[in-house]
């Protein structure tokens, strides 16, 4: 017969599961797009925890879709190939030679490793790039700096999303892992697209419940660098007012969140990828970590 003590020690586990119940109910059957990036991509323990979280979501009845870039890995590979990384307006200048390396690193290294980590838990993950089945189509991005149009090479601006392949994988119970590369509609070239932007565009096109963006900060700071208070929740309009003052690294992340919630996604969250199991903490507990952006009209709580 089981001793009362053993029953008692297991009780906190039951309480944790019960706390997750409203979240499980709310998210069941819903699509969650997760942008994998930052320190979580290079720390072995964080990578393993990320894979566990994504598989947990899948088994809890959600439909996770992972989108990734690979900034640090791309920089390292370009160095090895003797190709200098130049940045203009916060964007990597991508020559045709560099694009070959970018594609090789994203589709052949980062994506493969992530698929492998997820598939340690079962035959779940399938890797693809934006090139596959016209998932992401782009045109050449021509940013303006100080009123001048700047050529940054093979960097793309997303023009359309075809969710057919991803939806087929989700219907089959798989976890799509998407590399942020796109084929151009104009010239047939392959382009590097910002992974934050790609994740937001996919979340909107899929009608996702949530977009989650992993970062190397705790969230959006109230008054950085004077304060390290994190804004826990804000509306689309409140975020739009803050955009001009954000650091260049946060701009594509927060613009992505803004695009998502203005195009049918219920919540967009920027979370600290340096914290193990941050995805589960954000989705399933009352102590959500990071910053949540909601559509206008949902107000602040």
C-alpha atoms as a PDB file:
ATOM      1  CA  UNK A   1       0.000   0.000   0.000  1.00  0.00           C
ATOM      2  CA  UNK A   2       1.296   3.484  -0.908  1.00  0.00           C
ATOM      3  CA  UNK A   3       2.353   5.479   2.129  1.00  0.00           C
ATOM      4  CA  UNK A   4       0.614   8.846   2.834  1.00  0.00           C
ATOM      5  CA  UNK A   5       4.052  10.487   2.713  1.00  0.00           C
ATOM      6  CA  UNK A   6       4.630   9.469  -0.912  1.00  0.00           C
ATOM      7  CA  UNK A   7       1.214  10.792  -1.877  1.00  0.00           C
ATOM      8  CA  UNK A   8       2.011  14.055  -0.159  1.00  0.00           C
ATOM      9  CA  UNK A   9       5.377  14.606  -1.887  1.00  0.00           C
ATOM     10  CA  UNK A  10       3.747  14.154  -5.295  1.00  0.00           C
ATOM     11  CA  UNK A  11       1.060  16.755  -4.570  1.00  0.00           C
ATOM     12  CA  UNK A  12       3.066  19.836  -5.704  1.00  0.00           C
ATOM     13  CA  UNK A  13       3.476  18.181  -9.121  1.00  0.00           C
ATOM     14  CA  UNK A  14      -0.288  17.795  -9.381  1.00  0.00           C
ATOM     15  CA  UNK A  15      -0.779  21.444  -8.404  1.00  0.00           C
ATOM     16  CA  UNK A  16       1.639  22.559 -11.132  1.00  0.00           C
ATOM     17  CA  UNK A  17      -0.264  20.507 -13.714  1.00  0.00           C
ATOM     18  CA  UNK A  18      -3.594  21.915 -12.548  1.00  0.00           C
ATOM     19  CA  UNK A  19      -2.249  25.464 -12.821  1.00  0.00           C
ATOM     20  CA  UNK A  20      -1.510  24.728 -16.468  1.00  0.00           C
ATOM     21  CA  UNK A  21      -5.050  23.496 -17.183  1.00  0.00           C
ATOM     22  CA  UNK A  22      -6.632  26.836 -18.247  1.00  0.00           C
ATOM     23  CA  UNK A  23      -3.692  27.429 -20.600  1.00  0.00           C
ATOM     24  CA  UNK A  24      -3.894  23.908 -22.006  1.00  0.00           C
ATOM     25  CA  UNK A  25      -7.608  24.396 -22.621  1.00  0.00           C
ATOM     26  CA  UNK A  26      -7.128  27.809 -24.223  1.00  0.00           C
ATOM     27  CA  UNK A  27      -4.315  26.711 -26.527  1.00  0.00           C
ATOM     28  CA  UNK A  28      -5.490  23.211 -27.427  1.00  0.00           C
ATOM     29  CA  UNK A  29      -5.396  22.704 -31.189  1.00  0.00           C
ATOM     30  CA  UNK A  30      -3.953  26.186 -31.760  1.00  0.00           C
ATOM     31  CA  UNK A  31      -0.879  27.033 -33.763  1.00  0.00           C
ATOM     32  CA  UNK A  32       2.069  28.627 -31.976  1.00  0.00           C
ATOM     33  CA  UNK A  33       4.926  30.082 -34.047  1.00  0.00           C
ATOM     34  CA  UNK A  34       8.246  30.231 -32.187  1.00  0.00           C
ATOM     35  CA  UNK A  35      11.248  32.225 -33.411  1.00  0.00           C
ATOM     36  CA  UNK A  36      14.355  30.386 -32.186  1.00  0.00           C
ATOM     37  CA  UNK A  37      17.361  32.654 -31.785  1.00  0.00           C
ATOM     38  CA  UNK A  38      19.868  34.329 -29.519  1.00  0.00           C
ATOM     39  CA  UNK A  39      21.853  32.528 -26.841  1.00  0.00           C
ATOM     40  CA  UNK A  40      19.418  29.600 -26.878  1.00  0.00           C
ATOM     41  CA  UNK A  41      20.922  28.674 -30.263  1.00  0.00           C
ATOM     42  CA  UNK A  42      24.495  28.285 -29.009  1.00  0.00           C
ATOM     43  CA  UNK A  43      24.164  26.973 -25.432  1.00  0.00           C
ATOM     44  CA  UNK A  44      23.809  23.168 -25.401  1.00  0.00           C
ATOM     45  CA  UNK A  45      21.610  23.025 -22.280  1.00  0.00           C
ATOM     46  CA  UNK A  46      19.316  25.771 -23.579  1.00  0.00           C
ATOM     47  CA  UNK A  47      19.023  24.036 -26.959  1.00  0.00           C
ATOM     48  CA  UNK A  48      18.017  20.779 -25.288  1.00  0.00           C
ATOM     49  CA  UNK A  49      15.485  22.579 -23.039  1.00  0.00           C
ATOM     50  CA  UNK A  50      14.043  24.390 -26.077  1.00  0.00           C
ATOM     51  CA  UNK A  51      13.528  21.079 -27.891  1.00  0.00           C
ATOM     52  CA  UNK A  52      11.832  19.597 -24.804  1.00  0.00           C
ATOM     53  CA  UNK A  53       9.498  22.606 -24.572  1.00  0.00           C
ATOM     54  CA  UNK A  54       8.475  22.406 -28.224  1.00  0.00           C
ATOM     55  CA  UNK A  55       7.816  18.659 -27.996  1.00  0.00           C
ATOM     56  CA  UNK A  56       5.841  19.229 -24.786  1.00  0.00           C
ATOM     57  CA  UNK A  57       3.635  21.767 -26.612  1.00  0.00           C
ATOM     58  CA  UNK A  58       3.043  19.260 -29.397  1.00  0.00           C
ATOM     59  CA  UNK A  59       2.043  16.504 -26.943  1.00  0.00           C
ATOM     60  CA  UNK A  60      -0.116  18.969 -24.975  1.00  0.00           C
ATOM     61  CA  UNK A  61      -2.290  19.416 -28.081  1.00  0.00           C
ATOM     62  CA  UNK A  62      -0.764  22.567 -29.571  1.00  0.00           C
ATOM     63  CA  UNK A  63       0.698  22.909 -33.070  1.00  0.00           C
ATOM     64  CA  UNK A  64       4.180  24.427 -32.765  1.00  0.00           C
ATOM     65  CA  UNK A  65       5.999  25.823 -35.806  1.00  0.00           C
ATOM     66  CA  UNK A  66       9.671  26.768 -35.338  1.00  0.00           C
ATOM     67  CA  UNK A  67      11.360  29.494 -37.406  1.00  0.00           C
ATOM     68  CA  UNK A  68      15.082  30.105 -37.059  1.00  0.00           C
ATOM     69  CA  UNK A  69      17.892  32.298 -38.280  1.00  0.00           C
ATOM     70  CA  UNK A  70      21.523  31.791 -37.400  1.00  0.00           C
ATOM     71  CA  UNK A  71      23.438  35.036 -36.996  1.00  0.00           C
ATOM     72  CA  UNK A  72      26.367  33.746 -34.874  1.00  0.00           C
ATOM     73  CA  UNK A  73      26.756  30.559 -36.948  1.00  0.00           C
ATOM     74  CA  UNK A  74      26.646  32.545 -40.215  1.00  0.00           C
ATOM     75  CA  UNK A  75      29.289  34.986 -38.970  1.00  0.00           C
ATOM     76  CA  UNK A  76      31.570  32.100 -37.926  1.00  0.00           C
ATOM     77  CA  UNK A  77      31.148  30.323 -41.277  1.00  0.00           C
ATOM     78  CA  UNK A  78      31.804  33.508 -43.265  1.00  0.00           C
ATOM     79  CA  UNK A  79      34.995  34.006 -41.247  1.00  0.00           C
ATOM     80  CA  UNK A  80      36.099  30.449 -42.021  1.00  0.00           C
ATOM     81  CA  UNK A  81      35.503  31.087 -45.723  1.00  0.00           C
ATOM     82  CA  UNK A  82      37.413  34.362 -45.560  1.00  0.00           C
ATOM     83  CA  UNK A  83      34.285  36.409 -46.350  1.00  0.00           C
ATOM     84  CA  UNK A  84      34.028  39.634 -44.341  1.00  0.00           C
ATOM     85  CA  UNK A  85      30.657  40.382 -42.689  1.00  0.00           C
ATOM     86  CA  UNK A  86      29.623  43.959 -43.360  1.00  0.00           C
ATOM     87  CA  UNK A  87      26.504  45.528 -41.865  1.00  0.00           C
ATOM     88  CA  UNK A  88      24.530  48.517 -43.172  1.00  0.00           C
ATOM     89  CA  UNK A  89      21.478  49.850 -41.307  1.00  0.00           C
ATOM     90  CA  UNK A  90      21.659  46.824 -38.995  1.00  0.00           C
ATOM     91  CA  UNK A  91      21.369  44.421 -41.930  1.00  0.00           C
ATOM     92  CA  UNK A  92      24.065  42.029 -43.101  1.00  0.00           C
ATOM     93  CA  UNK A  93      25.301  42.810 -46.613  1.00  0.00           C
ATOM     94  CA  UNK A  94      24.891  39.480 -48.383  1.00  0.00           C
ATOM     95  CA  UNK A  95      26.957  38.979 -51.538  1.00  0.00           C
ATOM     96  CA  UNK A  96      26.135  36.009 -53.840  1.00  0.00           C
ATOM     97  CA  UNK A  97      29.151  34.187 -52.330  1.00  0.00           C
ATOM     98  CA  UNK A  98      27.979  34.970 -48.816  1.00  0.00           C
ATOM     99  CA  UNK A  99      24.437  33.829 -49.708  1.00  0.00           C
ATOM    100  CA  UNK A 100      25.776  30.383 -50.566  1.00  0.00           C
ATOM    101  CA  UNK A 101      27.290  30.204 -47.076  1.00  0.00           C
ATOM    102  CA  UNK A 102      24.128  31.571 -45.414  1.00  0.00           C
ATOM    103  CA  UNK A 103      22.006  28.940 -47.139  1.00  0.00           C
ATOM    104  CA  UNK A 104      24.448  26.150 -46.268  1.00  0.00           C
ATOM    105  CA  UNK A 105      24.582  27.184 -42.598  1.00  0.00           C
ATOM    106  CA  UNK A 106      20.833  27.718 -42.118  1.00  0.00           C
ATOM    107  CA  UNK A 107      19.506  24.720 -44.055  1.00  0.00           C
ATOM    108  CA  UNK A 108      22.455  22.367 -43.620  1.00  0.00           C
ATOM    109  CA  UNK A 109      23.666  23.073 -40.103  1.00  0.00           C
ATOM    110  CA  UNK A 110      21.332  25.019 -37.789  1.00  0.00           C
ATOM    111  CA  UNK A 111      18.112  23.473 -39.100  1.00  0.00           C
ATOM    112  CA  UNK A 112      19.580  19.939 -39.151  1.00  0.00           C
ATOM    113  CA  UNK A 113      20.748  20.232 -35.551  1.00  0.00           C
ATOM    114  CA  UNK A 114      17.382  21.535 -34.379  1.00  0.00           C
ATOM    115  CA  UNK A 115      15.480  18.812 -36.248  1.00  0.00           C
ATOM    116  CA  UNK A 116      17.805  16.240 -34.676  1.00  0.00           C
ATOM    117  CA  UNK A 117      17.207  17.557 -31.144  1.00  0.00           C
ATOM    118  CA  UNK A 118      13.427  17.497 -31.618  1.00  0.00           C
ATOM    119  CA  UNK A 119      13.498  14.027 -33.142  1.00  0.00           C
ATOM    120  CA  UNK A 120      15.250  12.583 -30.097  1.00  0.00           C
ATOM    121  CA  UNK A 121      11.718  12.639 -28.675  1.00  0.00           C
ATOM    122  CA  UNK A 122      10.049  10.859 -31.607  1.00  0.00           C
ATOM    123  CA  UNK A 123       9.526  11.149 -35.385  1.00  0.00           C
ATOM    124  CA  UNK A 124       8.190  14.689 -35.151  1.00  0.00           C
ATOM    125  CA  UNK A 125      10.264  17.436 -36.766  1.00  0.00           C
ATOM    126  CA  UNK A 126      10.563  18.088 -40.503  1.00  0.00           C
ATOM    127  CA  UNK A 127      12.919  20.784 -41.791  1.00  0.00           C
ATOM    128  CA  UNK A 128      12.218  23.070 -44.718  1.00  0.00           C
ATOM    129  CA  UNK A 129      13.273  26.464 -45.982  1.00  0.00           C
ATOM    130  CA  UNK A 130      11.128  29.272 -47.323  1.00  0.00           C
ATOM    131  CA  UNK A 131      12.106  28.032 -50.801  1.00  0.00           C
ATOM    132  CA  UNK A 132      10.149  24.793 -50.351  1.00  0.00           C
ATOM    133  CA  UNK A 133       6.660  24.798 -51.877  1.00  0.00           C
ATOM    134  CA  UNK A 134       6.806  28.621 -52.205  1.00  0.00           C
ATOM    135  CA  UNK A 135       6.515  28.878 -48.418  1.00  0.00           C
ATOM    136  CA  UNK A 136       8.228  32.302 -48.402  1.00  0.00           C
ATOM    137  CA  UNK A 137       8.569  34.453 -51.513  1.00  0.00           C
ATOM    138  CA  UNK A 138      10.602  37.653 -51.418  1.00  0.00           C
ATOM    139  CA  UNK A 139      11.852  40.563 -53.444  1.00  0.00           C
ATOM    140  CA  UNK A 140      15.149  42.397 -53.062  1.00  0.00           C
ATOM    141  CA  UNK A 141      15.183  44.609 -49.976  1.00  0.00           C
ATOM    142  CA  UNK A 142      16.437  48.132 -50.685  1.00  0.00           C
ATOM    143  CA  UNK A 143      16.650  50.025 -47.397  1.00  0.00           C
ATOM    144  CA  UNK A 144      16.997  53.792 -47.290  1.00  0.00           C
ATOM    145  CA  UNK A 145      19.714  55.290 -45.093  1.00  0.00           C
ATOM    146  CA  UNK A 146      19.753  59.082 -44.716  1.00  0.00           C
ATOM    147  CA  UNK A 147      17.494  59.377 -47.758  1.00  0.00           C
ATOM    148  CA  UNK A 148      19.741  57.192 -49.945  1.00  0.00           C
ATOM    149  CA  UNK A 149      18.780  53.727 -51.225  1.00  0.00           C
ATOM    150  CA  UNK A 150      21.437  51.227 -50.148  1.00  0.00           C
ATOM    151  CA  UNK A 151      22.258  47.935 -51.866  1.00  0.00           C
ATOM    152  CA  UNK A 152      22.745  45.205 -49.266  1.00  0.00           C
ATOM    153  CA  UNK A 153      22.858  42.329 -51.727  1.00  0.00           C
ATOM    154  CA  UNK A 154      20.846  39.164 -51.328  1.00  0.00           C
ATOM    155  CA  UNK A 155      18.620  40.362 -48.491  1.00  0.00           C
ATOM    156  CA  UNK A 156      14.938  39.860 -49.164  1.00  0.00           C
ATOM    157  CA  UNK A 157      11.689  41.529 -48.236  1.00  0.00           C
ATOM    158  CA  UNK A 158       8.813  39.081 -47.899  1.00  0.00           C
ATOM    159  CA  UNK A 159       6.102  39.521 -50.544  1.00  0.00           C
ATOM    160  CA  UNK A 160       3.981  36.417 -49.988  1.00  0.00           C
ATOM    161  CA  UNK A 161       3.547  33.335 -47.810  1.00  0.00           C
ATOM    162  CA  UNK A 162       2.151  29.969 -48.904  1.00  0.00           C
ATOM    163  CA  UNK A 163       1.261  27.942 -45.807  1.00  0.00           C
ATOM    164  CA  UNK A 164       0.262  24.753 -47.700  1.00  0.00           C
ATOM    165  CA  UNK A 165       3.336  22.670 -46.864  1.00  0.00           C
ATOM    166  CA  UNK A 166       3.382  23.772 -43.218  1.00  0.00           C
ATOM    167  CA  UNK A 167      -0.340  23.093 -42.797  1.00  0.00           C
ATOM    168  CA  UNK A 168       0.070  19.623 -44.332  1.00  0.00           C
ATOM    169  CA  UNK A 169       2.862  18.850 -41.857  1.00  0.00           C
ATOM    170  CA  UNK A 170       0.808  20.148 -38.917  1.00  0.00           C
ATOM    171  CA  UNK A 171      -2.190  18.061 -40.017  1.00  0.00           C
ATOM    172  CA  UNK A 172       0.115  15.037 -39.980  1.00  0.00           C
ATOM    173  CA  UNK A 173       1.178  15.790 -36.394  1.00  0.00           C
ATOM    174  CA  UNK A 174       4.658  16.998 -37.367  1.00  0.00           C
ATOM    175  CA  UNK A 175       6.668  19.985 -36.136  1.00  0.00           C
ATOM    176  CA  UNK A 176       7.798  22.156 -39.087  1.00  0.00           C
ATOM    177  CA  UNK A 177      11.232  23.774 -38.663  1.00  0.00           C
ATOM    178  CA  UNK A 178      11.605  26.620 -41.149  1.00  0.00           C
ATOM    179  CA  UNK A 179      14.890  28.270 -42.200  1.00  0.00           C
ATOM    180  CA  UNK A 180      14.505  31.961 -43.050  1.00  0.00           C
ATOM    181  CA  UNK A 181      15.514  31.796 -46.721  1.00  0.00           C
ATOM    182  CA  UNK A 182      13.225  32.812 -49.596  1.00  0.00           C
ATOM    183  CA  UNK A 183      13.117  32.519 -53.356  1.00  0.00           C
ATOM    184  CA  UNK A 184      12.619  35.747 -55.288  1.00  0.00           C
ATOM    185  CA  UNK A 185       9.536  36.224 -57.440  1.00  0.00           C
ATOM    186  CA  UNK A 186      11.475  38.632 -59.690  1.00  0.00           C
ATOM    187  CA  UNK A 187      14.892  37.233 -60.515  1.00  0.00           C
ATOM    188  CA  UNK A 188      14.829  33.628 -59.299  1.00  0.00           C
ATOM    189  CA  UNK A 189      17.616  34.293 -56.800  1.00  0.00           C
ATOM    190  CA  UNK A 190      17.602  33.016 -53.235  1.00  0.00           C
ATOM    191  CA  UNK A 191      17.459  35.679 -50.523  1.00  0.00           C
ATOM    192  CA  UNK A 192      18.252  35.814 -46.830  1.00  0.00           C
ATOM    193  CA  UNK A 193      15.225  37.163 -44.941  1.00  0.00           C
ATOM    194  CA  UNK A 194      15.161  38.360 -41.353  1.00  0.00           C
ATOM    195  CA  UNK A 195      14.006  35.449 -39.191  1.00  0.00           C
ATOM    196  CA  UNK A 196      11.979  37.695 -36.845  1.00  0.00           C
ATOM    197  CA  UNK A 197      10.114  39.105 -39.850  1.00  0.00           C
ATOM    198  CA  UNK A 198       9.643  35.622 -41.341  1.00  0.00           C
ATOM    199  CA  UNK A 199       8.229  34.241 -38.074  1.00  0.00           C
ATOM    200  CA  UNK A 200       5.760  37.135 -37.818  1.00  0.00           C
ATOM    201  CA  UNK A 201       4.636  36.752 -41.452  1.00  0.00           C
ATOM    202  CA  UNK A 202       4.144  33.000 -40.994  1.00  0.00           C
ATOM    203  CA  UNK A 203       2.235  33.503 -37.726  1.00  0.00           C
ATOM    204  CA  UNK A 204      -0.156  35.924 -39.451  1.00  0.00           C
ATOM    205  CA  UNK A 205      -0.605  33.708 -42.523  1.00  0.00           C
ATOM    206  CA  UNK A 206      -1.236  30.616 -40.372  1.00  0.00           C
ATOM    207  CA  UNK A 207      -3.745  32.429 -38.142  1.00  0.00           C
ATOM    208  CA  UNK A 208      -1.604  31.454 -35.151  1.00  0.00           C
ATOM    209  CA  UNK A 209      -2.786  31.937 -31.594  1.00  0.00           C
ATOM    210  CA  UNK A 210       0.628  33.178 -30.479  1.00  0.00           C
ATOM    211  CA  UNK A 211       3.962  34.347 -31.840  1.00  0.00           C
ATOM    212  CA  UNK A 212       6.875  33.832 -29.453  1.00  0.00           C
ATOM    213  CA  UNK A 213      10.263  35.437 -30.104  1.00  0.00           C
ATOM    214  CA  UNK A 214      13.251  34.241 -28.072  1.00  0.00           C
ATOM    215  CA  UNK A 215      15.775  36.981 -27.280  1.00  0.00           C
ATOM    216  CA  UNK A 216      18.830  37.581 -25.094  1.00  0.00           C
ATOM    217  CA  UNK A 217      17.046  40.130 -22.912  1.00  0.00           C
ATOM    218  CA  UNK A 218      14.271  39.822 -20.345  1.00  0.00           C
ATOM    219  CA  UNK A 219      11.751  41.561 -22.578  1.00  0.00           C
ATOM    220  CA  UNK A 220      11.027  45.114 -23.666  1.00  0.00           C
ATOM    221  CA  UNK A 221      12.475  47.520 -21.109  1.00  0.00           C
ATOM    222  CA  UNK A 222      10.429  50.477 -19.857  1.00  0.00           C
ATOM    223  CA  UNK A 223      13.227  53.043 -19.958  1.00  0.00           C
ATOM    224  CA  UNK A 224      16.491  51.388 -20.947  1.00  0.00           C
ATOM    225  CA  UNK A 225      19.286  52.047 -19.974  1.00  0.00           C
ATOM    226  CA  UNK A 226      18.008  54.136 -17.067  1.00  0.00           C
ATOM    227  CA  UNK A 227      15.770  51.332 -15.827  1.00  0.00           C
ATOM    228  CA  UNK A 228      15.679  47.555 -16.187  1.00  0.00           C
ATOM    229  CA  UNK A 229      11.917  47.387 -15.538  1.00  0.00           C
ATOM    230  CA  UNK A 230      10.332  45.125 -18.154  1.00  0.00           C
ATOM    231  CA  UNK A 231       6.989  46.064 -19.709  1.00  0.00           C
ATOM    232  CA  UNK A 232       4.917  42.926 -19.166  1.00  0.00           C
ATOM    233  CA  UNK A 233       2.006  43.827 -21.459  1.00  0.00           C
ATOM    234  CA  UNK A 234       1.205  46.501 -24.021  1.00  0.00           C
ATOM    235  CA  UNK A 235      -1.149  47.107 -26.935  1.00  0.00           C
ATOM    236  CA  UNK A 236      -0.216  47.460 -30.595  1.00  0.00           C
ATOM    237  CA  UNK A 237      -0.622  51.249 -30.508  1.00  0.00           C
ATOM    238  CA  UNK A 238       1.474  51.569 -27.344  1.00  0.00           C
ATOM    239  CA  UNK A 239       4.209  49.508 -28.996  1.00  0.00           C
ATOM    240  CA  UNK A 240       4.075  51.560 -32.196  1.00  0.00           C
ATOM    241  CA  UNK A 241       4.819  54.718 -30.193  1.00  0.00           C
ATOM    242  CA  UNK A 242       7.902  53.079 -28.644  1.00  0.00           C
ATOM    243  CA  UNK A 243       9.400  51.736 -31.904  1.00  0.00           C
ATOM    244  CA  UNK A 244      11.432  54.864 -32.870  1.00  0.00           C
ATOM    245  CA  UNK A 245      13.349  54.720 -29.558  1.00  0.00           C
ATOM    246  CA  UNK A 246      14.221  51.009 -29.571  1.00  0.00           C
ATOM    247  CA  UNK A 247      17.715  49.588 -30.054  1.00  0.00           C
ATOM    248  CA  UNK A 248      18.371  48.341 -33.592  1.00  0.00           C
ATOM    249  CA  UNK A 249      18.422  44.687 -32.497  1.00  0.00           C
ATOM    250  CA  UNK A 250      14.958  44.912 -30.946  1.00  0.00           C
ATOM    251  CA  UNK A 251      13.327  46.736 -33.873  1.00  0.00           C
ATOM    252  CA  UNK A 252      12.704  43.714 -36.179  1.00  0.00           C
ATOM    253  CA  UNK A 253      11.488  41.677 -33.200  1.00  0.00           C
ATOM    254  CA  UNK A 254       8.999  44.302 -32.051  1.00  0.00           C
ATOM    255  CA  UNK A 255       7.955  45.210 -35.610  1.00  0.00           C
ATOM    256  CA  UNK A 256       7.287  41.506 -36.098  1.00  0.00           C
ATOM    257  CA  UNK A 257       5.133  41.419 -32.960  1.00  0.00           C
ATOM    258  CA  UNK A 258       3.251  44.489 -34.167  1.00  0.00           C
ATOM    259  CA  UNK A 259       2.648  42.959 -37.620  1.00  0.00           C
ATOM    260  CA  UNK A 260       1.423  39.711 -36.047  1.00  0.00           C
ATOM    261  CA  UNK A 261      -1.163  41.208 -33.676  1.00  0.00           C
ATOM    262  CA  UNK A 262      -2.388  43.607 -36.378  1.00  0.00           C
ATOM    263  CA  UNK A 263      -2.948  40.644 -38.690  1.00  0.00           C
ATOM    264  CA  UNK A 264      -4.994  38.222 -36.636  1.00  0.00           C
ATOM    265  CA  UNK A 265      -2.523  36.754 -34.123  1.00  0.00           C
ATOM    266  CA  UNK A 266      -3.974  36.965 -30.602  1.00  0.00           C
ATOM    267  CA  UNK A 267      -0.743  37.598 -28.700  1.00  0.00           C
ATOM    268  CA  UNK A 268       2.900  38.157 -29.565  1.00  0.00           C
ATOM    269  CA  UNK A 269       5.501  37.637 -26.874  1.00  0.00           C
ATOM    270  CA  UNK A 270       9.179  38.485 -26.571  1.00  0.00           C
ATOM    271  CA  UNK A 271      10.743  36.175 -24.009  1.00  0.00           C
ATOM    272  CA  UNK A 272      14.159  35.611 -22.452  1.00  0.00           C
ATOM    273  CA  UNK A 273      15.677  32.636 -24.241  1.00  0.00           C
ATOM    274  CA  UNK A 274      18.505  32.518 -21.686  1.00  0.00           C
ATOM    275  CA  UNK A 275      16.067  31.059 -19.137  1.00  0.00           C
ATOM    276  CA  UNK A 276      15.634  27.286 -19.407  1.00  0.00           C
ATOM    277  CA  UNK A 277      12.056  26.292 -20.322  1.00  0.00           C
ATOM    278  CA  UNK A 278      11.084  29.934 -20.868  1.00  0.00           C
ATOM    279  CA  UNK A 279       8.460  28.861 -23.445  1.00  0.00           C
ATOM    280  CA  UNK A 280       6.598  26.697 -20.935  1.00  0.00           C
ATOM    281  CA  UNK A 281       6.905  29.384 -18.254  1.00  0.00           C
ATOM    282  CA  UNK A 282       5.382  31.930 -20.612  1.00  0.00           C
ATOM    283  CA  UNK A 283       2.532  29.843 -21.979  1.00  0.00           C
ATOM    284  CA  UNK A 284       1.481  27.705 -19.041  1.00  0.00           C
ATOM    285  CA  UNK A 285       2.029  29.675 -15.833  1.00  0.00           C
ATOM    286  CA  UNK A 286       0.686  32.780 -14.152  1.00  0.00           C
ATOM    287  CA  UNK A 287       4.218  34.178 -13.851  1.00  0.00           C
ATOM    288  CA  UNK A 288       4.636  34.855 -17.559  1.00  0.00           C
ATOM    289  CA  UNK A 289       8.119  36.109 -18.343  1.00  0.00           C
ATOM    290  CA  UNK A 290       8.917  38.713 -20.944  1.00  0.00           C
ATOM    291  CA  UNK A 291       6.707  41.191 -22.805  1.00  0.00           C
ATOM    292  CA  UNK A 292       3.316  40.395 -24.317  1.00  0.00           C
ATOM    293  CA  UNK A 293       1.849  42.476 -27.137  1.00  0.00           C
ATOM    294  CA  UNK A 294      -1.901  42.340 -27.668  1.00  0.00           C
ATOM    295  CA  UNK A 295      -4.183  43.825 -30.338  1.00  0.00           C
ATOM    296  CA  UNK A 296      -5.741  47.232 -29.648  1.00  0.00           C
ATOM    297  CA  UNK A 297      -8.966  46.914 -27.711  1.00  0.00           C
ATOM    298  CA  UNK A 298      -7.655  44.239 -25.337  1.00  0.00           C
ATOM    299  CA  UNK A 299      -6.219  46.967 -23.120  1.00  0.00           C
ATOM    300  CA  UNK A 300      -3.853  46.461 -20.237  1.00  0.00           C
ATOM    301  CA  UNK A 301      -4.416  44.110 -17.324  1.00  0.00           C
END
